[in-house]
Protein backbone atom coordinates (compact mmCIF):
# COMPACT_ATOMS: atom_id res chain seq x y z
CA MET A 1 0.00 0.00 0.00
CA ILE A 2 2.86 2.38 0.82
CA PHE A 3 4.53 1.49 -2.49
CA GLN A 4 1.26 2.09 -4.29
CA ALA A 5 0.86 5.49 -2.59
CA LYS A 6 4.39 6.44 -3.65
CA ARG A 7 3.59 5.52 -7.25
CA ILE A 8 0.57 7.83 -7.13
CA LEU A 9 2.21 10.70 -5.23
CA GLN A 10 5.47 10.91 -7.20
CA PRO A 11 3.81 11.97 -10.53
CA LEU A 12 1.63 14.43 -8.64
CA ILE A 13 4.63 15.99 -6.91
CA LEU A 14 6.51 16.16 -10.22
CA ALA A 15 3.51 17.84 -11.90
CA LEU A 16 3.28 20.36 -9.06
CA ILE A 17 7.00 21.16 -9.40
CA VAL A 18 6.64 21.65 -13.16
CA MET A 19 3.63 23.89 -12.62
CA GLN A 20 5.53 25.94 -10.02
CA ILE A 21 8.52 26.33 -12.34
CA GLY A 22 6.17 27.38 -15.15
CA CYS A 23 4.47 29.97 -12.96
CA THR A 24 7.84 31.27 -11.78
CA ASN A 25 9.06 31.63 -15.37
CA LYS A 26 5.81 33.35 -16.36
CA ASN A 27 6.08 35.79 -13.47
CA GLU A 28 9.73 36.46 -14.33
CA LYS A 29 8.79 37.16 -17.96
CA GLN A 30 6.00 39.50 -16.88
CA ALA A 31 8.40 41.32 -14.61
CA GLN A 32 10.94 41.58 -17.43
CA ASN A 33 8.27 42.90 -19.81
CA GLN A 34 7.15 45.47 -17.25
CA THR A 35 10.75 46.56 -16.76
CA SER A 36 11.52 46.81 -20.48
CA ALA A 37 8.24 48.48 -21.50
CA PRO A 38 8.68 52.27 -21.71
CA GLN A 39 6.84 54.07 -18.96
CA GLU A 40 4.94 57.15 -20.12
CA SER A 41 5.93 60.37 -18.41
CA TYR A 42 4.03 63.62 -18.23
CA TYR A 43 4.73 67.30 -17.82
CA ALA A 44 3.46 69.28 -14.86
CA LEU A 45 2.23 72.87 -14.90
CA SER A 46 5.53 73.88 -13.31
CA ASP A 47 7.45 72.54 -16.33
CA PHE A 48 5.88 75.06 -18.70
CA LYS A 49 8.50 77.78 -18.50
CA PHE A 50 11.45 75.43 -18.95
CA VAL A 51 10.31 73.30 -21.89
CA PRO A 52 11.40 74.55 -25.35
CA LYS A 53 8.33 75.48 -27.45
CA ILE A 54 7.34 76.98 -30.80
CA ASP A 55 4.25 79.04 -31.58
CA VAL A 56 3.74 78.63 -35.33
CA HIS A 57 0.94 81.19 -35.66
CA ALA A 58 1.67 84.76 -34.62
CA HIS A 59 1.40 88.27 -36.10
CA ILE A 60 3.70 91.21 -35.33
CA ASN A 61 3.18 94.32 -37.44
CA VAL A 62 5.23 96.84 -35.46
CA GLU A 63 8.84 97.32 -34.45
CA SER A 64 8.06 97.03 -30.74
CA ARG A 65 9.27 93.79 -29.18
CA THR A 66 6.69 92.95 -26.52
CA MET A 67 5.75 89.60 -28.01
CA ILE A 68 9.35 88.67 -28.81
CA GLU A 69 10.56 89.40 -25.27
CA GLN A 70 7.62 87.53 -23.74
CA ALA A 71 8.42 84.56 -25.97
CA LYS A 72 12.05 84.62 -24.85
CA ALA A 73 11.01 84.77 -21.21
CA TYR A 74 8.92 81.59 -21.51
CA ASN A 75 11.11 79.54 -23.82
CA PHE A 76 9.08 80.10 -27.00
CA LYS A 77 10.14 80.66 -30.58
CA LEU A 78 7.74 82.34 -33.01
CA MET A 79 6.63 81.85 -36.61
CA VAL A 80 5.22 85.25 -37.59
CA MET A 81 2.99 85.41 -40.65
CA ALA A 82 2.36 88.20 -43.08
CA VAL A 83 -1.30 88.33 -44.11
CA ASP A 84 -3.28 90.20 -46.76
CA VAL A 85 -5.61 91.84 -44.23
CA VAL A 86 -6.73 95.27 -45.45
CA PRO A 87 -7.00 97.79 -43.83
CA GLU A 88 -6.37 96.25 -40.40
CA TYR A 89 -2.77 95.36 -41.26
CA PRO A 90 -0.14 97.57 -42.94
CA PRO A 91 0.57 97.25 -46.68
CA MET A 92 2.42 94.05 -47.58
CA GLU A 93 5.72 95.84 -48.21
CA GLU A 94 5.66 97.27 -44.67
CA GLN A 95 4.70 93.92 -43.15
CA ILE A 96 7.71 92.29 -44.82
CA ARG A 97 10.05 95.13 -43.77
CA VAL A 98 9.08 94.72 -40.10
CA ARG A 99 9.47 90.95 -40.26
CA VAL A 100 12.87 91.08 -41.92
CA LYS A 101 14.04 93.56 -39.25
CA HIS A 102 12.89 91.38 -36.35
CA HIS A 103 14.35 88.28 -37.97
CA LYS A 104 17.76 89.90 -38.36
CA GLU A 105 17.71 91.18 -34.78
CA SER A 106 16.34 87.98 -33.16
CA PRO A 107 17.03 85.01 -35.44
CA ASP A 108 16.96 82.66 -32.46
CA VAL A 109 13.31 83.53 -31.71
CA PHE A 110 11.76 85.12 -34.79
CA ALA A 111 11.08 83.38 -38.12
CA PHE A 112 8.49 84.49 -40.65
CA THR A 113 6.42 83.72 -43.72
CA SER A 114 5.39 86.07 -46.51
CA ALA A 115 2.10 86.65 -48.34
CA PHE A 116 0.82 88.33 -51.47
CA THR A 117 -2.07 90.58 -52.39
CA LEU A 118 -4.60 90.16 -55.20
CA GLU A 119 -3.96 93.68 -56.47
CA GLY A 120 -3.90 93.57 -60.28
CA TRP A 121 -5.54 90.13 -60.32
CA ASP A 122 -7.14 90.71 -63.72
CA GLU A 123 -3.86 91.72 -65.35
CA PRO A 124 -2.14 88.98 -67.38
CA ASP A 125 1.15 89.35 -65.51
CA TRP A 126 -0.34 89.13 -61.98
CA SER A 127 1.32 85.81 -61.16
CA ASP A 128 4.67 86.99 -62.61
CA LYS A 129 4.66 89.98 -60.26
CA VAL A 130 3.75 87.83 -57.27
CA ILE A 131 6.55 85.39 -58.03
CA GLU A 132 9.06 88.23 -58.33
CA GLN A 133 7.95 89.54 -54.94
CA LEU A 134 8.23 86.11 -53.35
CA LYS A 135 11.73 85.66 -54.78
CA ARG A 136 12.80 88.76 -52.86
CA ASP A 137 10.99 87.70 -49.70
CA PHE A 138 12.48 84.20 -49.71
CA LYS A 139 15.95 85.69 -50.27
CA ASN A 140 15.36 87.88 -47.22
CA GLY A 141 14.46 84.93 -45.02
CA ALA A 142 10.75 84.15 -45.53
CA LEU A 143 10.10 80.43 -45.12
CA GLY A 144 6.76 80.21 -46.91
CA ILE A 145 3.54 82.05 -47.60
CA LYS A 146 0.19 82.51 -45.91
CA VAL A 147 -3.08 82.69 -47.87
CA TRP A 148 -6.03 84.14 -46.03
CA LYS A 149 -9.82 83.93 -46.02
CA ASN A 150 -10.15 87.02 -48.25
CA ILE A 151 -9.59 84.45 -51.00
CA GLY A 152 -13.04 82.89 -51.11
CA MET A 153 -14.80 85.38 -48.86
CA GLY A 154 -13.94 88.85 -50.13
CA GLU A 155 -11.82 89.42 -53.22
CA LYS A 156 -13.59 89.49 -56.60
CA ASP A 157 -12.47 89.63 -60.21
CA LYS A 158 -13.49 92.31 -62.73
CA ASP A 159 -16.73 90.44 -63.45
CA GLY A 160 -17.75 90.43 -59.79
CA ASN A 161 -17.01 86.75 -59.20
CA LEU A 162 -15.42 85.69 -55.92
CA ILE A 163 -11.86 84.48 -56.35
CA MET A 164 -11.57 80.98 -54.89
CA LEU A 165 -8.42 79.19 -53.77
CA ASP A 166 -8.60 76.55 -56.50
CA ASP A 167 -8.54 79.17 -59.29
CA PRO A 168 -5.99 78.05 -61.93
CA LYS A 169 -4.36 81.47 -61.75
CA PHE A 170 -2.80 80.45 -58.43
CA ASP A 171 -1.20 77.33 -59.90
CA ARG A 172 2.07 78.97 -60.99
CA VAL A 173 2.45 80.71 -57.63
CA PHE A 174 2.00 77.51 -55.64
CA GLN A 175 4.32 75.65 -57.99
CA PHE A 176 7.00 78.29 -57.45
CA VAL A 177 6.65 78.00 -53.67
CA LYS A 178 7.01 74.23 -53.91
CA ASP A 179 10.03 74.54 -56.22
CA GLN A 180 11.71 76.72 -53.58
CA ASN A 181 11.00 74.10 -50.87
CA LYS A 182 8.88 76.59 -48.96
CA VAL A 183 5.68 76.06 -46.99
CA VAL A 184 2.11 77.13 -47.77
CA MET A 185 -0.08 78.03 -44.80
CA SER A 186 -3.78 78.50 -45.44
CA HIS A 187 -6.70 80.02 -43.58
CA ALA A 188 -9.58 78.84 -45.76
CA GLY A 189 -13.11 79.97 -44.97
CA GLU A 190 -14.30 80.27 -41.40
CA PRO A 191 -15.45 77.95 -38.58
CA LYS A 192 -18.63 76.08 -39.34
CA ASN A 193 -20.25 78.25 -36.67
CA CYS A 194 -19.98 81.13 -39.13
CA TRP A 195 -22.99 79.74 -40.99
CA LEU A 196 -25.13 79.53 -37.83
CA PRO A 197 -27.09 82.13 -35.84
CA ILE A 198 -25.06 83.63 -32.98
CA ASP A 199 -27.05 81.80 -30.29
CA GLU A 200 -26.47 78.42 -31.96
CA MET A 201 -22.67 78.73 -32.13
CA THR A 202 -20.74 76.26 -30.02
CA VAL A 203 -18.03 78.50 -28.53
CA ASN A 204 -18.05 81.99 -27.09
CA ASN A 205 -15.03 83.23 -29.05
CA ASP A 206 -16.95 82.65 -32.29
CA ARG A 207 -20.01 84.39 -30.86
CA GLU A 208 -17.86 87.38 -29.95
CA TYR A 209 -15.97 87.55 -33.24
CA PHE A 210 -18.95 87.28 -35.57
CA SER A 211 -20.99 89.68 -33.48
CA GLU A 212 -18.22 92.23 -33.95
CA ASN A 213 -17.51 91.32 -37.61
CA PRO A 214 -20.88 90.81 -39.30
CA GLU A 215 -19.27 91.11 -42.75
CA TYR A 216 -17.76 87.67 -42.13
CA HIS A 217 -20.85 86.15 -40.49
CA MET A 218 -22.03 84.07 -43.43
CA TYR A 219 -25.39 83.28 -41.83
CA LEU A 220 -26.22 86.90 -42.68
CA HIS A 221 -24.98 86.51 -46.26
CA PRO A 222 -26.77 83.57 -47.92
CA GLU A 223 -25.66 84.88 -51.33
CA MET A 224 -22.05 83.95 -50.46
CA PRO A 225 -20.42 80.53 -50.98
CA SER A 226 -21.32 77.88 -48.42
CA TYR A 227 -19.05 76.37 -45.79
CA GLU A 228 -18.70 73.31 -48.00
CA ASP A 229 -17.74 75.52 -50.98
CA GLN A 230 -14.84 76.97 -49.01
CA ILE A 231 -13.58 73.58 -47.85
CA ASN A 232 -13.92 72.09 -51.34
CA ALA A 233 -11.99 74.96 -52.95
CA ARG A 234 -9.11 74.42 -50.50
CA ASN A 235 -9.16 70.67 -51.05
CA ASN A 236 -9.35 71.04 -54.83
CA MET A 237 -6.21 73.16 -54.68
CA LEU A 238 -4.48 70.50 -52.59
CA GLU A 239 -5.50 67.77 -55.02
CA LYS A 240 -3.42 69.65 -57.59
CA ASN A 241 -0.54 70.00 -55.11
CA LYS A 242 -0.40 66.83 -53.07
CA ASP A 243 3.38 67.13 -52.80
CA MET A 244 3.09 70.57 -51.19
CA THR A 245 4.27 71.06 -47.62
CA PHE A 246 1.07 72.53 -46.27
CA ILE A 247 -0.23 73.74 -42.92
CA ALA A 248 -3.99 74.10 -42.71
CA VAL A 249 -4.21 76.61 -39.88
CA HIS A 250 -7.10 76.74 -37.41
CA LEU A 251 -7.48 72.93 -37.47
CA ALA A 252 -8.06 73.03 -41.24
CA THR A 253 -11.37 74.85 -40.67
CA LEU A 254 -12.71 71.44 -39.63
CA GLU A 255 -12.51 72.35 -35.95
CA TRP A 256 -15.98 71.03 -35.17
CA SER A 257 -15.09 67.35 -35.69
CA VAL A 258 -11.91 65.40 -34.97
CA ASP A 259 -13.23 62.78 -37.40
CA GLU A 260 -13.27 65.36 -40.20
CA ILE A 261 -9.76 66.57 -39.34
CA ALA A 262 -8.54 62.97 -39.35
CA ALA A 263 -10.11 62.36 -42.77
CA PHE A 264 -8.40 65.51 -44.10
CA LEU A 265 -5.00 64.41 -42.79
CA ASP A 266 -5.49 60.93 -44.24
CA ARG A 267 -6.40 62.39 -47.63
CA PHE A 268 -3.45 64.80 -47.77
CA PRO A 269 -0.35 63.13 -46.28
CA ASN A 270 1.85 66.24 -46.65
CA ALA A 271 -0.57 68.43 -44.71
CA SER A 272 -0.48 69.36 -41.04
CA VAL A 273 -2.83 71.45 -38.91
CA ASP A 274 -2.32 74.03 -36.20
CA VAL A 275 -4.63 74.61 -33.24
CA ALA A 276 -4.50 78.42 -33.26
CA GLU A 277 -7.72 80.00 -31.96
CA ARG A 278 -9.54 76.66 -32.31
CA LEU A 279 -8.54 74.80 -29.16
CA SER A 280 -11.91 75.67 -27.64
CA HIS A 281 -13.57 73.48 -30.28
CA LEU A 282 -11.54 70.49 -29.11
CA GLN A 283 -12.51 71.32 -25.56
CA VAL A 284 -16.20 71.32 -26.51
CA GLN A 285 -15.72 67.88 -28.04
CA SER A 286 -13.87 66.79 -24.88
CA ILE A 287 -17.04 67.45 -22.89
CA LYS A 288 -18.86 64.77 -24.88
CA ASP A 289 -16.01 62.32 -25.50
CA ARG A 290 -12.65 63.20 -23.98
CA GLN A 291 -11.10 59.88 -24.91
CA LYS A 292 -11.96 60.32 -28.57
CA VAL A 293 -10.22 63.70 -28.68
CA ARG A 294 -7.22 62.31 -26.83
CA ASN A 295 -6.97 59.31 -29.14
CA PHE A 296 -7.16 61.61 -32.18
CA ILE A 297 -4.26 63.74 -30.98
CA ILE A 298 -2.14 60.73 -30.09
CA LYS A 299 -2.81 59.09 -33.46
CA TYR A 300 -1.97 62.25 -35.42
CA GLN A 301 0.73 63.51 -33.06
CA ASP A 302 3.15 64.03 -35.99
CA ARG A 303 0.71 66.30 -37.85
CA ILE A 304 -0.47 68.78 -35.18
CA LEU A 305 1.26 72.08 -34.36
CA TYR A 306 0.82 74.49 -31.50
CA GLY A 307 -0.18 78.06 -32.38
CA THR A 308 -2.09 80.93 -30.81
CA ASP A 309 -2.84 83.69 -33.36
CA PHE A 310 -1.45 86.38 -31.03
CA GLN A 311 -0.96 89.75 -32.69
CA GLU A 312 0.96 92.92 -31.88
CA LEU A 313 -0.32 96.07 -33.58
CA GLU A 314 0.14 99.83 -33.27
CA ASP A 315 -2.56 100.14 -30.62
CA THR A 316 -1.57 97.06 -28.62
CA ASN A 317 -1.11 97.66 -24.90
CA PRO A 318 2.14 95.88 -23.92
CA SER A 319 1.12 94.90 -20.40
CA GLU A 320 -2.26 93.61 -21.57
CA LEU A 321 -0.59 91.63 -24.36
CA LYS A 322 1.83 89.98 -21.93
CA GLU A 323 -1.03 89.03 -19.64
CA VAL A 324 -3.12 87.57 -22.47
CA MET A 325 -0.15 85.62 -23.80
CA LEU A 326 0.74 84.08 -20.44
CA ASN A 327 -2.86 83.26 -19.51
CA THR A 328 -3.49 81.63 -22.89
CA TRP A 329 -0.25 79.68 -22.85
CA MET A 330 -0.89 78.36 -19.33
CA GLN A 331 -4.51 77.47 -20.06
CA ASP A 332 -3.47 75.55 -23.18
CA TRP A 333 -0.60 73.83 -21.38
CA LYS A 334 -2.96 72.74 -18.63
CA TYR A 335 -5.40 71.25 -21.16
CA PHE A 336 -2.70 69.28 -22.98
CA ASN A 337 -0.69 68.16 -19.96
CA THR A 338 -3.05 67.53 -17.03
CA ASP A 339 -6.25 65.64 -16.41
CA GLU A 340 -7.71 68.37 -14.24
CA VAL A 341 -11.30 69.49 -14.66
CA MET A 342 -11.10 72.93 -16.25
CA THR A 343 -13.13 75.91 -17.33
CA ALA A 344 -12.44 78.44 -20.09
CA HIS A 345 -14.25 81.61 -21.03
CA GLN A 346 -14.74 80.27 -24.57
CA VAL A 347 -16.63 77.18 -23.38
CA ASN A 348 -19.85 77.17 -21.36
CA ALA A 349 -19.20 73.94 -19.47
CA GLU A 350 -16.45 72.16 -17.57
CA PHE A 351 -14.10 69.84 -19.44
CA GLN A 352 -11.18 67.63 -18.46
CA GLY A 353 -7.58 68.04 -19.57
CA LEU A 354 -6.15 65.44 -21.93
CA LYS A 355 -2.93 64.61 -20.02
CA LEU A 356 -0.92 63.74 -23.10
CA PRO A 357 2.44 62.00 -22.73
CA LYS A 358 5.56 64.15 -22.87
CA SER A 359 6.54 62.55 -26.16
CA VAL A 360 3.32 63.77 -27.79
CA VAL A 361 3.48 67.23 -26.24
CA ASP A 362 7.06 67.68 -27.45
CA LYS A 363 5.96 67.00 -31.01
CA ILE A 364 3.00 69.39 -30.89
CA TYR A 365 4.97 72.17 -29.22
CA LEU A 366 8.38 71.73 -30.85
CA THR A 367 9.63 68.99 -33.11
CA ASN A 368 6.82 68.98 -35.69
CA ALA A 369 7.52 72.65 -36.41
CA GLN A 370 11.25 72.00 -36.54
CA LYS A 371 10.72 69.30 -39.17
CA ILE A 372 8.54 71.54 -41.34
CA PHE A 373 10.82 74.57 -40.91
CA PRO A 374 14.34 73.10 -40.54
CA ASN A 375 16.99 75.59 -39.37
CA ALA A 376 14.34 78.30 -39.03
CA TRP A 377 15.52 79.50 -35.65
CA GLU A 378 19.25 80.04 -35.27
CA ASN A 379 20.69 79.34 -31.85
């Protein structure tokens, strides 16, 4: 009986030993995997001042240096755009003069892009003159061009037809910019809210802007092209220039839907977007589905750029500008880097920060811009 018990127990003991060894090996492998797997790290609010950053969407139209000095103080570099905004901005020649001056004086902080006007559009040599101007601007340091919403929403030809961004007359200009390895930045149309009544708009900054600028509130102008017309004109132009290095500013004017932005980026692999003056629209979407917004940014982390749309003009109050810049920067940093429940004056409800990993934040705030504009900021 004892011998029989031994015969039964020995295989059981051996099986238990094998099982224990297997479990030990499994636990060791799990521990090794946990050790080797990269652990995500995150920035705190206190890191803001010390992390190198780039704001790819700014406007400085005067020789005063308030914005430049504030950028230096908080570890920012600036991409400052010229824009065909008449009469709010100076003539294009003056805009370029100011930008060249700042660039020469602060090449470590200040880089810039040029623009062109539609003056003389109906003349046969319009594109020749624009190209000659851009040759000079690029020689003087401009890294690309900005086209604005006046194309599609304001400027007309001699027959009274609105000039749209996919007009063949732009083809030679865009080809020249591509041939020079420069960047095209585009503000096409307006937020989708622009075609809604004020009280149906989704964010307060749109309500404020279109209340103060009724000429651009398309709900009041049904005779004008639709929202879809503006988006299609931009996309038609890109279909002709898929190899163009392109930044669709203001979240590609698709700010209302991360799904639409994703579809745009999938369709045009050389395009990126900036978040300037449209972050509130992501925050509104965060209220409904924070994880969806977070997943979108992580998936397209190589295609998203940080920008603000700050501007410094003749009548700008320096102390007020500094305060606005710092408050905006900190609010945006908090949204990207923490999971705190937040409020913002643009949004009429609480929302939670996205708490993105450092690796993603570094791309949005720095390295994506450096890839698009290599050697733009001299150290």
